[in-house]
Amino acid sequence: MFLVTVTFVFFILLIFSMTGIIVYFAIRSARRENRQYEKFAKEYSYYFDKAQGQLNYHEASKTSQTGLVVNLKESTNPFVEKYANFSNYPFGRGAKTKVAYAISGNYEDVEFRAFTYMFAGSLAENSGKGGVFSIVMIKCDRQPQILPEQTFFENGTLCHYLQGNLEVEKIHDRIEKLRNLKND
């Protein structure tokens, strides 16, 4: 009986230890991944705003989030107002809107803004699929004649969105594609 109890306690301690190690490395990885935004902005002398991002948490959900969420819109989110005040999908719909890790500045004389945007879709409001989106946008005087999928023009801004978190190593390429679209 004593041996069974000791074995059981040892097994429980082993499970808690392994869980603790996994949590530690997940938080450490998220911190490292989230610091990449600030490091990238600093490297290129861009403006960085953590906004609603957290150092120890990286939005891992790349799948859509839709449920019976009711968005009463009683208050406005100042980060959404500042960075994501648009009506085209994925903006202007759903609930639990969030902006994280905003980077803005000038890349080769093109004013841009890039960030991760999240919202929960609402079946009650028929707001479409929610999820996590990587946003890159540039200033643009007029709407291009042809807009590829996942690209829109609104309020003097040309915007491209992809599902998933913002990837800093792709920001400049995405700005170039938007600039080419703007100049066509």
N, C-alpha and C. Protein backbone atom coordinates (compact mmCIF):
# COMPACT_ATOMS: atom_id res chain seq x y z
N MET A 1 0.83 -1.20 0.00
CA MET A 1 0.00 0.00 0.00
C MET A 1 0.87 1.26 0.00
N PHE A 2 1.92 1.23 0.83
CA PHE A 2 2.83 2.37 0.90
C PHE A 2 3.51 2.61 -0.45
N LEU A 3 3.95 1.54 -1.12
CA LEU A 3 4.61 1.64 -2.41
C LEU A 3 3.66 2.21 -3.47
N VAL A 4 2.41 1.81 -3.44
CA VAL A 4 1.41 2.32 -4.38
C VAL A 4 1.19 3.82 -4.15
N THR A 5 1.10 4.24 -2.89
CA THR A 5 0.90 5.65 -2.56
C THR A 5 2.10 6.48 -3.00
N VAL A 6 3.29 6.01 -2.75
CA VAL A 6 4.50 6.73 -3.15
C VAL A 6 4.57 6.82 -4.67
N THR A 7 4.26 5.75 -5.35
CA THR A 7 4.26 5.74 -6.81
C THR A 7 3.23 6.73 -7.35
N PHE A 8 2.06 6.74 -6.76
CA PHE A 8 1.00 7.65 -7.18
C PHE A 8 1.42 9.12 -6.98
N VAL A 9 1.97 9.43 -5.82
CA VAL A 9 2.43 10.79 -5.53
C VAL A 9 3.54 11.18 -6.49
N PHE A 10 4.48 10.28 -6.73
CA PHE A 10 5.56 10.54 -7.68
C PHE A 10 5.01 10.82 -9.07
N PHE A 11 4.04 10.02 -9.49
CA PHE A 11 3.42 10.20 -10.80
C PHE A 11 2.73 11.57 -10.91
N ILE A 12 2.00 11.97 -9.89
CA ILE A 12 1.31 13.27 -9.86
C ILE A 12 2.34 14.41 -9.92
N LEU A 13 3.41 14.29 -9.13
CA LEU A 13 4.47 15.31 -9.15
C LEU A 13 5.14 15.40 -10.51
N LEU A 14 5.32 14.26 -11.14
CA LEU A 14 5.90 14.23 -12.48
C LEU A 14 5.00 14.95 -13.49
N ILE A 15 3.71 14.71 -13.41
CA ILE A 15 2.75 15.37 -14.31
C ILE A 15 2.77 16.88 -14.08
N PHE A 16 2.73 17.33 -12.82
CA PHE A 16 2.77 18.77 -12.52
C PHE A 16 4.08 19.39 -12.99
N SER A 17 5.18 18.68 -12.82
CA SER A 17 6.48 19.20 -13.26
C SER A 17 6.51 19.36 -14.77
N MET A 18 6.05 18.35 -15.48
CA MET A 18 6.04 18.41 -16.95
C MET A 18 5.12 19.53 -17.44
N THR A 19 3.97 19.68 -16.80
CA THR A 19 3.05 20.76 -17.17
C THR A 19 3.70 22.11 -16.94
N GLY A 20 4.36 22.26 -15.81
CA GLY A 20 5.05 23.52 -15.51
C GLY A 20 6.13 23.84 -16.52
N ILE A 21 6.88 22.83 -16.93
CA ILE A 21 7.93 23.03 -17.94
C ILE A 21 7.33 23.43 -19.27
N ILE A 22 6.26 22.79 -19.67
CA ILE A 22 5.60 23.13 -20.94
C ILE A 22 5.07 24.56 -20.90
N VAL A 23 4.42 24.95 -19.82
CA VAL A 23 3.90 26.31 -19.68
C VAL A 23 5.05 27.33 -19.71
N TYR A 24 6.13 27.03 -19.01
CA TYR A 24 7.29 27.93 -18.99
C TYR A 24 7.82 28.17 -20.40
N PHE A 25 8.02 27.09 -21.16
CA PHE A 25 8.56 27.24 -22.51
C PHE A 25 7.56 27.90 -23.46
N ALA A 26 6.27 27.68 -23.27
CA ALA A 26 5.26 28.35 -24.10
C ALA A 26 5.27 29.86 -23.85
N ILE A 27 5.34 30.26 -22.59
CA ILE A 27 5.39 31.69 -22.26
C ILE A 27 6.69 32.30 -22.77
N ARG A 28 7.79 31.60 -22.60
CA ARG A 28 9.09 32.10 -23.07
C ARG A 28 9.08 32.28 -24.59
N SER A 29 8.52 31.32 -25.29
CA SER A 29 8.43 31.40 -26.76
C SER A 29 7.54 32.57 -27.18
N ALA A 30 6.41 32.75 -26.51
CA ALA A 30 5.50 33.86 -26.83
C ALA A 30 6.18 35.20 -26.60
N ARG A 31 6.91 35.32 -25.51
CA ARG A 31 7.63 36.58 -25.24
C ARG A 31 8.63 36.87 -26.34
N ARG A 32 9.39 35.86 -26.73
CA ARG A 32 10.39 36.05 -27.78
C ARG A 32 9.71 36.44 -29.09
N GLU A 33 8.62 35.75 -29.40
CA GLU A 33 7.90 36.05 -30.64
C GLU A 33 7.31 37.45 -30.62
N ASN A 34 6.78 37.87 -29.49
CA ASN A 34 6.17 39.19 -29.39
C ASN A 34 7.21 40.32 -29.39
N ARG A 35 8.39 40.05 -28.90
CA ARG A 35 9.45 41.06 -28.91
C ARG A 35 9.95 41.34 -30.33
N GLN A 36 9.69 40.43 -31.25
CA GLN A 36 10.13 40.63 -32.62
C GLN A 36 9.53 41.89 -33.23
N TYR A 37 8.32 42.25 -32.84
CA TYR A 37 7.66 43.43 -33.40
C TYR A 37 8.41 44.70 -32.98
N GLU A 38 8.69 44.80 -31.71
CA GLU A 38 9.40 45.97 -31.19
C GLU A 38 10.81 46.03 -31.76
N LYS A 39 11.47 44.90 -31.85
CA LYS A 39 12.83 44.84 -32.39
C LYS A 39 12.84 45.27 -33.86
N PHE A 40 11.88 44.79 -34.64
CA PHE A 40 11.77 45.15 -36.05
C PHE A 40 11.54 46.66 -36.20
N ALA A 41 10.63 47.20 -35.42
CA ALA A 41 10.33 48.64 -35.49
C ALA A 41 11.57 49.46 -35.12
N LYS A 42 12.27 49.05 -34.13
CA LYS A 42 13.47 49.78 -33.69
C LYS A 42 14.55 49.71 -34.77
N GLU A 43 14.72 48.55 -35.37
CA GLU A 43 15.74 48.36 -36.41
C GLU A 43 15.54 49.31 -37.59
N TYR A 44 14.29 49.58 -37.96
CA TYR A 44 13.99 50.42 -39.11
C TYR A 44 13.51 51.82 -38.72
N SER A 45 13.61 52.15 -37.45
CA SER A 45 13.18 53.46 -36.93
C SER A 45 11.69 53.72 -37.18
N TYR A 46 10.89 52.68 -37.03
CA TYR A 46 9.45 52.80 -37.14
C TYR A 46 8.86 53.03 -35.75
N TYR A 47 7.62 53.49 -35.73
CA TYR A 47 6.90 53.66 -34.48
C TYR A 47 6.29 52.32 -34.10
N PHE A 48 6.40 51.94 -32.82
CA PHE A 48 5.83 50.70 -32.32
C PHE A 48 4.86 50.99 -31.20
N ASP A 49 3.69 50.37 -31.26
CA ASP A 49 2.69 50.48 -30.20
C ASP A 49 2.21 49.06 -29.88
N LYS A 50 2.46 48.63 -28.66
CA LYS A 50 2.03 47.29 -28.23
C LYS A 50 0.51 47.17 -28.30
N ALA A 51 -0.17 48.30 -28.17
CA ALA A 51 -1.64 48.35 -28.18
C ALA A 51 -2.20 47.36 -27.16
N GLN A 52 -2.96 46.38 -27.61
CA GLN A 52 -3.57 45.43 -26.70
C GLN A 52 -2.81 44.10 -26.62
N GLY A 53 -1.59 44.09 -27.12
CA GLY A 53 -0.77 42.88 -27.07
C GLY A 53 -0.18 42.69 -25.70
N GLN A 54 0.15 41.47 -25.38
CA GLN A 54 0.77 41.14 -24.10
C GLN A 54 2.07 40.40 -24.39
N LEU A 55 3.11 40.72 -23.64
CA LEU A 55 4.41 40.10 -23.88
C LEU A 55 4.39 38.59 -23.69
N ASN A 56 3.61 38.10 -22.76
CA ASN A 56 3.67 36.66 -22.49
C ASN A 56 2.59 35.87 -23.22
N TYR A 57 1.95 36.47 -24.22
CA TYR A 57 0.86 35.79 -24.91
C TYR A 57 0.89 36.14 -26.39
N HIS A 58 0.85 35.16 -27.24
CA HIS A 58 0.79 35.37 -28.68
C HIS A 58 -0.48 34.73 -29.19
N GLU A 59 -1.28 35.47 -29.90
CA GLU A 59 -2.55 34.94 -30.38
C GLU A 59 -2.27 33.78 -31.32
N ALA A 60 -2.61 32.60 -30.90
CA ALA A 60 -2.29 31.39 -31.66
C ALA A 60 -3.43 30.94 -32.55
N SER A 61 -4.61 31.49 -32.36
CA SER A 61 -5.77 31.04 -33.11
C SER A 61 -5.75 31.62 -34.51
N LYS A 62 -5.47 30.77 -35.49
CA LYS A 62 -5.51 31.22 -36.88
C LYS A 62 -6.82 30.77 -37.53
N THR A 63 -7.62 30.08 -36.77
CA THR A 63 -8.92 29.64 -37.29
C THR A 63 -9.97 30.70 -36.97
N SER A 64 -11.06 30.60 -37.66
CA SER A 64 -12.13 31.58 -37.43
C SER A 64 -12.78 31.34 -36.07
N GLN A 65 -13.23 32.42 -35.48
CA GLN A 65 -13.94 32.36 -34.21
C GLN A 65 -15.33 32.91 -34.42
N THR A 66 -16.32 32.06 -34.39
CA THR A 66 -17.68 32.50 -34.57
C THR A 66 -18.53 31.82 -33.52
N GLY A 67 -19.43 32.57 -32.93
CA GLY A 67 -20.30 32.00 -31.91
C GLY A 67 -21.49 32.90 -31.68
N LEU A 68 -22.24 32.60 -30.67
CA LEU A 68 -23.40 33.41 -30.34
C LEU A 68 -22.96 34.59 -29.47
N VAL A 69 -22.10 35.41 -30.02
CA VAL A 69 -21.60 36.58 -29.33
C VAL A 69 -22.50 37.76 -29.68
N VAL A 70 -22.96 38.46 -28.69
CA VAL A 70 -23.75 39.65 -28.93
C VAL A 70 -22.86 40.85 -28.64
N ASN A 71 -22.72 41.71 -29.62
CA ASN A 71 -21.88 42.88 -29.47
C ASN A 71 -22.77 44.09 -29.27
N LEU A 72 -22.87 44.57 -28.06
CA LEU A 72 -23.74 45.70 -27.76
C LEU A 72 -23.10 47.03 -28.13
N LYS A 73 -21.80 47.04 -28.39
CA LYS A 73 -21.06 48.23 -28.80
C LYS A 73 -21.36 49.41 -27.89
N GLU A 74 -21.40 49.15 -26.59
CA GLU A 74 -21.67 50.21 -25.62
C GLU A 74 -20.50 51.17 -25.50
N SER A 75 -19.30 50.67 -25.69
CA SER A 75 -18.13 51.53 -25.62
C SER A 75 -17.24 51.25 -26.81
N THR A 76 -16.41 52.21 -27.12
CA THR A 76 -15.51 52.03 -28.25
C THR A 76 -14.14 51.63 -27.74
N ASN A 77 -13.45 50.88 -28.55
CA ASN A 77 -12.10 50.45 -28.25
C ASN A 77 -11.16 51.51 -28.83
N PRO A 78 -10.38 52.22 -27.99
CA PRO A 78 -9.53 53.30 -28.51
C PRO A 78 -8.49 52.81 -29.51
N PHE A 79 -8.01 51.58 -29.37
CA PHE A 79 -7.02 51.07 -30.31
C PHE A 79 -7.65 50.75 -31.67
N VAL A 80 -8.87 50.24 -31.65
CA VAL A 80 -9.58 49.99 -32.90
C VAL A 80 -9.90 51.33 -33.57
N GLU A 81 -10.32 52.31 -32.78
CA GLU A 81 -10.60 53.65 -33.33
C GLU A 81 -9.36 54.25 -33.98
N LYS A 82 -8.22 54.08 -33.34
CA LYS A 82 -6.97 54.67 -33.83
C LYS A 82 -6.41 53.95 -35.05
N TYR A 83 -6.42 52.62 -35.04
CA TYR A 83 -5.74 51.86 -36.10
C TYR A 83 -6.66 51.18 -37.09
N ALA A 84 -7.85 50.80 -36.68
CA ALA A 84 -8.67 49.91 -37.51
C ALA A 84 -10.09 50.44 -37.68
N ASN A 85 -10.24 51.72 -37.88
CA ASN A 85 -11.56 52.34 -38.00
C ASN A 85 -12.04 52.28 -39.46
N PHE A 86 -12.34 51.07 -39.92
CA PHE A 86 -12.79 50.84 -41.29
C PHE A 86 -14.05 49.98 -41.25
N SER A 87 -14.77 49.94 -42.36
CA SER A 87 -16.00 49.15 -42.39
C SER A 87 -15.87 47.88 -43.23
N ASN A 88 -14.85 47.78 -44.09
CA ASN A 88 -14.66 46.59 -44.91
C ASN A 88 -14.15 45.43 -44.06
N TYR A 89 -14.54 44.20 -44.47
CA TYR A 89 -14.08 43.00 -43.77
C TYR A 89 -12.55 42.98 -43.77
N PRO A 90 -11.92 42.70 -42.63
CA PRO A 90 -12.44 42.13 -41.41
C PRO A 90 -12.86 43.15 -40.35
N PHE A 91 -12.87 44.42 -40.69
CA PHE A 91 -13.17 45.47 -39.72
C PHE A 91 -14.67 45.74 -39.62
N GLY A 92 -15.05 46.47 -38.56
CA GLY A 92 -16.40 46.97 -38.41
C GLY A 92 -17.47 45.93 -38.16
N ARG A 93 -17.12 44.82 -37.61
CA ARG A 93 -18.11 43.77 -37.35
C ARG A 93 -17.69 42.92 -36.17
N GLY A 94 -18.61 42.10 -35.71
CA GLY A 94 -18.31 41.17 -34.64
C GLY A 94 -18.14 41.82 -33.29
N ALA A 95 -17.53 41.09 -32.40
CA ALA A 95 -17.34 41.53 -31.02
C ALA A 95 -15.91 41.23 -30.59
N LYS A 96 -15.57 41.72 -29.43
CA LYS A 96 -14.25 41.49 -28.84
C LYS A 96 -13.14 41.89 -29.79
N THR A 97 -13.28 43.05 -30.45
CA THR A 97 -12.26 43.52 -31.37
C THR A 97 -11.00 43.89 -30.60
N LYS A 98 -9.87 43.68 -31.24
CA LYS A 98 -8.60 43.89 -30.58
C LYS A 98 -7.52 44.21 -31.62
N VAL A 99 -6.66 45.15 -31.29
CA VAL A 99 -5.50 45.50 -32.11
C VAL A 99 -4.25 45.24 -31.28
N ALA A 100 -3.28 44.57 -31.87
CA ALA A 100 -2.04 44.28 -31.14
C ALA A 100 -0.83 44.51 -32.04
N TYR A 101 0.24 44.98 -31.44
CA TYR A 101 1.55 45.11 -32.06
C TYR A 101 1.52 45.93 -33.36
N ALA A 102 1.15 47.18 -33.23
CA ALA A 102 1.07 48.09 -34.37
C ALA A 102 2.44 48.67 -34.68
N ILE A 103 2.80 48.64 -35.93
CA ILE A 103 4.05 49.21 -36.43
C ILE A 103 3.68 50.17 -37.54
N SER A 104 4.22 51.39 -37.48
CA SER A 104 3.92 52.35 -38.54
C SER A 104 5.15 53.19 -38.83
N GLY A 105 5.17 53.76 -40.03
CA GLY A 105 6.29 54.59 -40.42
C GLY A 105 6.31 54.80 -41.92
N ASN A 106 7.49 55.12 -42.43
CA ASN A 106 7.70 55.31 -43.86
C ASN A 106 8.71 54.29 -44.35
N TYR A 107 8.31 53.54 -45.35
CA TYR A 107 9.21 52.59 -45.99
C TYR A 107 9.39 53.05 -47.43
N GLU A 108 10.59 53.51 -47.75
CA GLU A 108 10.91 54.02 -49.09
C GLU A 108 9.85 55.01 -49.56
N ASP A 109 9.59 56.00 -48.73
CA ASP A 109 8.64 57.09 -49.00
C ASP A 109 7.18 56.65 -49.11
N VAL A 110 6.85 55.50 -48.56
CA VAL A 110 5.47 55.03 -48.51
C VAL A 110 5.06 54.98 -47.04
N GLU A 111 4.05 55.76 -46.69
CA GLU A 111 3.53 55.75 -45.32
C GLU A 111 2.70 54.49 -45.13
N PHE A 112 3.01 53.72 -44.08
CA PHE A 112 2.32 52.46 -43.87
C PHE A 112 1.95 52.27 -42.41
N ARG A 113 1.11 51.28 -42.20
CA ARG A 113 0.73 50.83 -40.86
C ARG A 113 0.51 49.32 -40.97
N ALA A 114 0.97 48.58 -39.96
CA ALA A 114 0.81 47.12 -39.94
C ALA A 114 0.51 46.69 -38.50
N PHE A 115 -0.37 45.71 -38.35
CA PHE A 115 -0.73 45.23 -37.01
C PHE A 115 -1.49 43.92 -37.10
N THR A 116 -1.70 43.31 -35.94
CA THR A 116 -2.54 42.13 -35.85
C THR A 116 -3.91 42.59 -35.35
N TYR A 117 -4.95 42.13 -36.02
CA TYR A 117 -6.33 42.51 -35.67
C TYR A 117 -7.13 41.25 -35.39
N MET A 118 -7.94 41.28 -34.35
CA MET A 118 -8.74 40.13 -33.97
C MET A 118 -10.18 40.54 -33.70
N PHE A 119 -11.10 39.66 -34.01
CA PHE A 119 -12.49 39.85 -33.59
C PHE A 119 -13.18 38.50 -33.54
N ALA A 120 -14.21 38.43 -32.73
CA ALA A 120 -15.03 37.23 -32.64
C ALA A 120 -16.26 37.45 -33.49
N GLY A 121 -16.52 36.53 -34.42
CA GLY A 121 -17.71 36.63 -35.25
C GLY A 121 -18.96 36.39 -34.43
N SER A 122 -20.06 36.94 -34.88
CA SER A 122 -21.31 36.81 -34.15
C SER A 122 -22.39 36.25 -35.06
N LEU A 123 -22.89 35.08 -34.71
CA LEU A 123 -23.99 34.51 -35.48
C LEU A 123 -25.24 35.37 -35.34
N ALA A 124 -25.42 35.96 -34.17
CA ALA A 124 -26.60 36.80 -33.93
C ALA A 124 -26.59 38.03 -34.83
N GLU A 125 -25.41 38.56 -35.13
CA GLU A 125 -25.31 39.76 -35.98
C GLU A 125 -24.98 39.43 -37.42
N ASN A 126 -24.76 38.13 -37.74
CA ASN A 126 -24.37 37.72 -39.08
C ASN A 126 -23.14 38.51 -39.54
N SER A 127 -22.13 38.58 -38.68
CA SER A 127 -20.96 39.42 -38.94
C SER A 127 -19.87 38.71 -39.74
N GLY A 128 -20.07 37.46 -40.07
CA GLY A 128 -19.04 36.73 -40.79
C GLY A 128 -18.09 36.06 -39.83
N LYS A 129 -17.13 35.36 -40.40
CA LYS A 129 -16.16 34.64 -39.59
C LYS A 129 -15.26 35.62 -38.86
N GLY A 130 -14.99 35.35 -37.63
CA GLY A 130 -14.01 36.13 -36.89
C GLY A 130 -12.67 35.45 -37.02
N GLY A 131 -11.70 35.95 -36.27
CA GLY A 131 -10.40 35.32 -36.28
C GLY A 131 -9.29 36.31 -36.04
N VAL A 132 -8.10 35.90 -36.41
CA VAL A 132 -6.89 36.69 -36.25
C VAL A 132 -6.41 37.07 -37.64
N PHE A 133 -6.09 38.36 -37.83
CA PHE A 133 -5.72 38.85 -39.15
C PHE A 133 -4.46 39.69 -39.11
N SER A 134 -3.62 39.51 -40.09
CA SER A 134 -2.42 40.30 -40.30
C SER A 134 -2.79 41.43 -41.26
N ILE A 135 -2.62 42.67 -40.81
CA ILE A 135 -3.05 43.83 -41.59
C ILE A 135 -1.82 44.64 -42.02
N VAL A 136 -1.76 45.02 -43.29
CA VAL A 136 -0.76 45.97 -43.79
C VAL A 136 -1.52 46.95 -44.67
N MET A 137 -1.31 48.26 -44.42
CA MET A 137 -2.00 49.28 -45.19
C MET A 137 -1.08 50.44 -45.51
N ILE A 138 -1.38 51.11 -46.64
CA ILE A 138 -0.63 52.29 -47.05
C ILE A 138 -1.60 53.40 -47.41
N LYS A 139 -1.11 54.63 -47.38
CA LYS A 139 -1.90 55.77 -47.85
C LYS A 139 -2.00 55.70 -49.37
N CYS A 140 -3.17 56.07 -49.90
CA CYS A 140 -3.40 55.98 -51.33
C CYS A 140 -4.40 57.07 -51.73
N ASP A 141 -4.09 57.84 -52.76
CA ASP A 141 -4.94 58.96 -53.18
C ASP A 141 -6.24 58.52 -53.84
N ARG A 142 -6.17 57.45 -54.63
CA ARG A 142 -7.37 57.01 -55.36
C ARG A 142 -7.43 55.49 -55.38
N GLN A 143 -8.61 54.98 -55.59
CA GLN A 143 -8.80 53.54 -55.59
C GLN A 143 -8.22 52.94 -56.87
N PRO A 144 -7.38 51.93 -56.75
CA PRO A 144 -6.89 51.23 -57.94
C PRO A 144 -8.05 50.57 -58.69
N GLN A 145 -7.88 50.42 -60.00
CA GLN A 145 -8.95 49.84 -60.81
C GLN A 145 -9.19 48.37 -60.46
N ILE A 146 -8.13 47.65 -60.17
CA ILE A 146 -8.25 46.23 -59.84
C ILE A 146 -7.77 46.02 -58.42
N LEU A 147 -8.62 45.39 -57.61
CA LEU A 147 -8.25 45.06 -56.23
C LEU A 147 -8.24 43.55 -56.07
N PRO A 148 -7.08 42.98 -55.76
CA PRO A 148 -7.03 41.53 -55.54
C PRO A 148 -7.86 41.12 -54.32
N GLU A 149 -8.05 39.83 -54.16
CA GLU A 149 -8.75 39.32 -52.98
C GLU A 149 -8.03 39.77 -51.73
N GLN A 150 -8.79 39.95 -50.68
CA GLN A 150 -8.29 40.34 -49.37
C GLN A 150 -7.61 41.71 -49.39
N THR A 151 -8.04 42.56 -50.32
CA THR A 151 -7.53 43.92 -50.43
C THR A 151 -8.72 44.84 -50.60
N PHE A 152 -8.70 46.00 -49.93
CA PHE A 152 -9.76 46.98 -50.12
C PHE A 152 -9.19 48.38 -50.04
N PHE A 153 -9.96 49.32 -50.57
CA PHE A 153 -9.63 50.74 -50.51
C PHE A 153 -10.74 51.45 -49.74
N GLU A 154 -10.35 52.22 -48.73
CA GLU A 154 -11.33 52.96 -47.93
C GLU A 154 -10.64 54.15 -47.27
N ASN A 155 -11.28 55.29 -47.31
CA ASN A 155 -10.80 56.50 -46.63
C ASN A 155 -9.34 56.84 -46.96
N GLY A 156 -8.98 56.76 -48.24
CA GLY A 156 -7.61 57.10 -48.64
C GLY A 156 -6.57 56.10 -48.20
N THR A 157 -7.01 54.88 -47.93
CA THR A 157 -6.10 53.83 -47.46
C THR A 157 -6.30 52.57 -48.28
N LEU A 158 -5.20 51.98 -48.70
CA LEU A 158 -5.21 50.72 -49.41
C LEU A 158 -4.76 49.65 -48.41
N CYS A 159 -5.60 48.66 -48.18
CA CYS A 159 -5.37 47.69 -47.10
C CYS A 159 -5.36 46.27 -47.63
N HIS A 160 -4.42 45.49 -47.13
CA HIS A 160 -4.36 44.06 -47.44
C HIS A 160 -4.38 43.29 -46.12
N TYR A 161 -5.18 42.24 -46.07
CA TYR A 161 -5.26 41.43 -44.85
C TYR A 161 -5.08 39.95 -45.19
N LEU A 162 -4.46 39.25 -44.26
CA LEU A 162 -4.27 37.81 -44.34
C LEU A 162 -4.70 37.20 -43.01
N GLN A 163 -5.09 35.96 -43.04
CA GLN A 163 -5.43 35.29 -41.79
C GLN A 163 -4.13 34.94 -41.06
N GLY A 164 -4.12 35.18 -39.75
CA GLY A 164 -2.96 34.86 -38.92
C GLY A 164 -2.32 36.11 -38.34
N ASN A 165 -1.34 35.89 -37.50
CA ASN A 165 -0.61 36.99 -36.87
C ASN A 165 0.27 37.72 -37.87
N LEU A 166 0.56 38.98 -37.58
CA LEU A 166 1.46 39.77 -38.41
C LEU A 166 2.85 39.14 -38.38
N GLU A 167 3.44 38.99 -39.54
CA GLU A 167 4.80 38.46 -39.65
C GLU A 167 5.71 39.59 -40.12
N VAL A 168 6.63 40.00 -39.25
CA VAL A 168 7.46 41.17 -39.55
C VAL A 168 8.33 40.96 -40.78
N GLU A 169 8.78 39.75 -41.01
CA GLU A 169 9.66 39.51 -42.15
C GLU A 169 8.95 39.67 -43.49
N LYS A 170 7.63 39.79 -43.49
CA LYS A 170 6.87 39.95 -44.74
C LYS A 170 6.29 41.35 -44.91
N ILE A 171 6.47 42.23 -43.94
CA ILE A 171 5.86 43.56 -44.01
C ILE A 171 6.34 44.34 -45.23
N HIS A 172 7.65 44.40 -45.46
CA HIS A 172 8.17 45.20 -46.58
C HIS A 172 7.69 44.65 -47.92
N ASP A 173 7.65 43.33 -48.08
CA ASP A 173 7.16 42.74 -49.33
C ASP A 173 5.69 43.11 -49.55
N ARG A 174 4.90 43.08 -48.49
CA ARG A 174 3.48 43.41 -48.62
C ARG A 174 3.30 44.89 -48.95
N ILE A 175 4.14 45.75 -48.37
CA ILE A 175 4.09 47.18 -48.71
C ILE A 175 4.41 47.38 -50.19
N GLU A 176 5.43 46.69 -50.67
CA GLU A 176 5.81 46.77 -52.10
C GLU A 176 4.65 46.37 -53.00
N LYS A 177 3.96 45.28 -52.65
CA LYS A 177 2.83 44.84 -53.47
C LYS A 177 1.71 45.88 -53.46
N LEU A 178 1.46 46.48 -52.31
CA LEU A 178 0.44 47.53 -52.24
C LEU A 178 0.87 48.76 -53.04
N ARG A 179 2.16 49.11 -52.96
CA ARG A 179 2.67 50.26 -53.73
C ARG A 179 2.52 50.01 -55.22
N ASN A 180 2.86 48.81 -55.68
CA ASN A 180 2.70 48.48 -57.09
C ASN A 180 1.24 48.54 -57.52
N LEU A 181 0.36 48.09 -56.68
CA LEU A 181 -1.06 48.15 -56.96
C LEU A 181 -1.53 49.61 -57.04
N LYS A 182 -1.02 50.42 -56.14
CA LYS A 182 -1.35 51.85 -56.11
C LYS A 182 -0.88 52.56 -57.37
N ASN A 183 0.30 52.19 -57.87
CA ASN A 183 0.90 52.87 -59.02
C ASN A 183 0.40 52.35 -60.36
N ASP A 184 -0.31 51.25 -60.38
CA ASP A 184 -0.84 50.71 -61.66
C ASP A 184 -2.02 51.50 -62.16
